[in-house]
Protein backbone atom coordinates (compact mmCIF):
# COMPACT_ATOMS: atom_id res chain seq x y z
CA MET A 1 59.88 2.67 32.33
CA ILE A 2 57.28 1.75 29.63
CA ARG A 3 55.26 -0.26 32.13
CA GLU A 4 55.19 2.69 34.47
CA LEU A 5 53.89 4.93 31.64
CA ARG A 6 51.09 2.46 30.87
CA ASN A 7 50.06 2.37 34.49
CA VAL A 8 49.96 6.15 34.61
CA THR A 9 47.90 6.46 31.37
CA THR A 10 45.28 3.91 32.45
CA GLY A 11 44.87 5.25 35.93
CA GLY A 12 47.35 2.82 37.45
CA GLU A 13 44.87 -0.05 37.62
CA ARG A 14 46.08 -2.42 34.91
CA PRO A 15 48.05 -2.40 31.66
CA VAL A 16 46.33 -1.23 28.45
CA GLY A 17 46.07 -4.62 26.72
CA ASP A 18 44.81 -6.55 29.74
CA TYR A 19 41.31 -7.91 28.98
CA ARG A 20 41.16 -10.55 31.68
CA ASP A 21 38.54 -8.64 33.66
CA ASP A 22 35.57 -9.00 31.27
CA ASP A 23 33.14 -9.83 34.07
CA PHE A 24 31.38 -6.50 33.67
CA ARG A 25 28.67 -8.33 31.66
CA GLU A 26 26.29 -10.48 33.61
CA LYS A 27 26.52 -14.03 32.35
CA PRO A 28 23.21 -15.87 31.83
CA SER A 29 22.58 -18.91 33.99
CA TRP A 30 22.53 -22.40 32.51
CA ARG A 31 18.76 -22.47 33.00
CA ASP A 32 18.36 -19.33 30.84
CA LEU A 33 20.63 -20.79 28.18
CA ASP A 34 18.55 -23.99 28.05
CA ARG A 35 15.31 -21.99 27.73
CA ARG A 36 16.71 -19.99 24.84
CA LYS A 37 17.91 -23.13 23.10
CA ASP A 38 14.52 -24.87 23.40
CA ARG A 39 12.36 -22.10 21.95
CA SER A 40 12.19 -21.19 18.27
CA ARG A 41 14.10 -18.14 17.13
CA HIS A 42 11.39 -17.23 14.63
CA VAL A 43 8.69 -16.61 17.21
CA GLY A 44 8.63 -13.30 18.99
CA GLN A 45 8.01 -13.00 22.69
CA GLY A 46 4.79 -11.01 22.26
CA ASP A 47 2.63 -13.65 20.57
CA LEU A 48 -1.15 -13.48 20.52
CA PRO A 49 -2.78 -15.01 23.57
CA THR A 50 -4.04 -18.54 23.24
CA GLY A 51 -7.54 -19.88 23.78
CA GLN A 52 -10.85 -18.05 23.48
CA SER A 53 -9.33 -14.58 23.64
CA SER A 54 -7.10 -15.29 20.62
CA ARG A 55 -10.13 -16.13 18.48
CA TRP A 56 -11.77 -12.89 19.50
CA VAL A 57 -8.57 -10.93 18.78
CA ARG A 58 -8.21 -12.64 15.40
CA LYS A 59 -11.82 -11.74 14.48
CA GLN A 60 -11.26 -8.14 15.52
CA ILE A 61 -8.10 -7.91 13.42
CA LEU A 62 -9.83 -9.42 10.39
CA ARG A 63 -12.76 -7.00 10.76
CA GLU A 64 -10.40 -4.04 10.91
CA ALA A 65 -8.50 -5.31 7.85
CA GLU A 66 -11.73 -5.72 5.88
CA ARG A 67 -12.83 -2.25 6.85
CA LEU A 68 -9.44 -0.88 5.80
CA PHE A 69 -9.49 -2.57 2.38
CA GLN A 70 -13.10 -1.67 1.68
CA GLY A 71 -12.33 2.00 1.95
CA ASN A 72 -15.28 4.32 2.15
CA ARG A 73 -17.84 1.97 0.63
CA SER A 74 -20.37 2.53 3.37
CA LYS A 75 -23.30 2.63 0.96
CA LYS A 76 -25.01 -0.52 -0.23
CA VAL A 77 -23.86 -1.80 -3.62
CA ASP A 78 -26.39 -3.10 -6.07
CA PRO A 79 -25.42 -6.64 -7.13
CA GLU A 80 -26.34 -5.91 -10.75
CA GLN A 81 -24.17 -2.80 -10.74
CA GLU A 82 -21.29 -4.76 -9.25
CA LYS A 83 -21.74 -7.41 -11.92
CA ALA A 84 -21.65 -4.75 -14.66
CA ARG A 85 -18.54 -3.19 -13.08
CA ASN A 86 -16.83 -6.60 -13.01
CA GLU A 87 -17.76 -7.06 -16.67
CA ILE A 88 -15.84 -3.87 -17.49
CA HIS A 89 -12.78 -5.13 -15.61
CA HIS A 90 -12.88 -8.60 -17.17
CA SER A 91 -13.45 -7.36 -20.71
CA PHE A 92 -10.66 -4.75 -20.63
CA GLY A 93 -8.45 -5.12 -23.68
CA THR A 94 -11.04 -7.09 -25.67
CA LYS A 95 -13.74 -6.21 -28.20
CA LYS A 96 -16.36 -6.47 -25.46
CA PHE A 97 -14.87 -3.58 -23.48
CA GLU A 98 -16.55 -0.67 -25.31
CA PRO A 99 -20.05 -2.23 -25.22
CA ALA A 100 -19.63 -3.07 -21.52
CA VAL A 101 -18.65 0.52 -20.73
CA LYS A 102 -21.54 1.97 -22.76
CA LYS A 103 -24.00 -0.38 -21.05
CA PHE A 104 -22.70 0.52 -17.59
CA ILE A 105 -22.81 4.28 -18.21
CA LYS A 106 -26.28 4.03 -19.76
CA GLU A 107 -27.71 2.12 -16.79
CA TYR A 108 -25.76 3.48 -13.81
CA GLY A 109 -23.91 6.59 -14.94
CA LEU A 110 -20.18 7.13 -14.48
CA PRO A 111 -18.58 4.75 -11.94
CA ASP A 112 -17.32 6.19 -8.68
CA ASP A 113 -14.35 3.92 -7.96
CA TRP A 114 -10.76 4.72 -8.93
CA GLY A 115 -9.92 1.46 -10.69
CA THR A 116 -12.88 1.48 -13.05
CA LEU A 117 -12.43 5.16 -13.85
CA MET A 118 -8.80 4.49 -14.75
CA LEU A 119 -9.97 1.81 -17.18
CA LEU A 120 -12.41 4.27 -18.75
CA LEU A 121 -9.49 6.45 -19.79
CA ASP A 122 -8.80 3.85 -22.50
CA CYS A 123 -12.24 4.20 -24.09
CA LYS A 124 -12.40 5.30 -27.71
CA GLY A 125 -15.04 7.93 -27.09
CA PRO A 126 -13.46 11.23 -26.03
CA ARG A 127 -16.50 12.26 -23.94
CA THR A 128 -16.11 9.21 -21.69
CA GLY A 129 -12.40 9.96 -21.25
CA ILE A 130 -13.05 13.59 -20.36
CA ASP A 131 -15.72 12.67 -17.81
CA ALA A 132 -13.42 10.04 -16.31
CA ILE A 133 -10.56 12.56 -16.03
CA GLN A 134 -12.84 15.02 -14.21
CA SER A 135 -14.00 12.33 -11.76
CA LEU A 136 -10.46 11.09 -11.19
CA LYS A 137 -9.28 14.65 -10.55
CA ALA A 138 -11.85 14.90 -7.74
CA LEU A 139 -10.69 11.58 -6.23
CA TYR A 140 -6.98 12.37 -6.70
CA PRO A 141 -6.21 13.80 -3.22
CA GLN A 142 -7.52 10.71 -1.40
CA GLN A 143 -5.37 8.28 -3.38
CA GLY A 144 -1.98 6.85 -2.48
CA LEU A 145 1.28 7.90 -4.06
CA GLU A 146 1.33 5.02 -6.58
CA GLU A 147 -2.20 5.74 -7.80
CA GLN A 148 -1.42 9.44 -8.13
CA GLN A 149 1.73 8.72 -10.09
CA GLY A 150 -0.14 6.27 -12.33
CA PHE A 151 -2.81 8.88 -13.04
CA ARG A 152 -0.22 11.52 -13.93
CA SER A 153 1.53 9.03 -16.25
CA LYS A 154 -1.78 8.14 -17.91
CA LEU A 155 -2.54 11.83 -18.44
CA ASN A 156 0.91 12.34 -19.99
CA ILE A 157 0.31 9.47 -22.39
CA ILE A 158 -3.15 10.75 -23.32
CA SER A 159 -1.84 14.27 -23.93
CA MET A 160 0.91 12.94 -26.23
CA THR A 161 -1.02 10.31 -28.16
CA THR A 162 -4.68 11.30 -28.50
CA LYS A 163 -5.99 12.73 -31.74
CA ASP A 164 -8.92 14.46 -30.08
CA ASP A 165 -8.07 18.08 -29.24
CA GLU A 166 -10.66 18.43 -26.47
CA LEU A 167 -9.40 15.31 -24.67
CA ARG A 168 -5.78 16.46 -25.08
CA PHE A 169 -6.60 19.89 -23.66
CA CYS A 170 -8.44 18.33 -20.69
CA ALA A 171 -5.51 16.00 -19.93
CA GLU A 172 -2.94 18.82 -20.16
CA GLU A 173 -5.08 21.15 -18.04
CA THR A 174 -5.57 18.49 -15.38
CA LEU A 175 -1.81 17.79 -15.31
CA GLY A 176 -1.22 21.48 -14.67
CA GLU A 177 -3.74 21.54 -11.80
CA ILE A 178 -2.65 18.46 -9.87
C-alpha cells in the first residue's frame, strides 16, 4: 500500500528515495580530466596573449595606468616647483616645514594639488590655512570619498582647536557648505 502511494506521488516512475539514475549530468571524459589536472588552478582561462602582442598590450595597460594616476596634470611641471613641493612634503612635522611653505608660496603661489593643500592646513599662519581651505573647497567635488571625508574631519578639528576666530569661522562655514 505504501509503495503504491509513493509511485502515485512521484508520477509512477520510481520510488522517492531512488537516486540511482544520476546520469542527467554529462560526465567529463578522461581526456578532459587529465587536462584539468595538468593546468594550474590559479591561472584563468583568459590570459594575455603571448609573444609580440602581449608586450604591446602590456605597454598600453601601463600607459593607461600612468594616465589614470597622474590625474589631470596635463600642464608641464617646473622641476624647481616640484622640488619645492617635495620639500614641503618631506619637511612636514619638522621645524623646516613653515619656512618651506613660506618659500613655496612666495615663489609659486598657493599649490594646486590636493595633498599639498591638505598639508598647508597645519600651518601656523591663519591666512595660509584660510587660503588652503578655499582652494580645497573648490577641488572637493572631484575628490574620492576618502579624501572628502578626510577634509571634513580636518575642518572639524580646525573648528574645535584653533584659536584664530577668522580661521574657525572659515572652517565652520566650509563644513556647512560641503
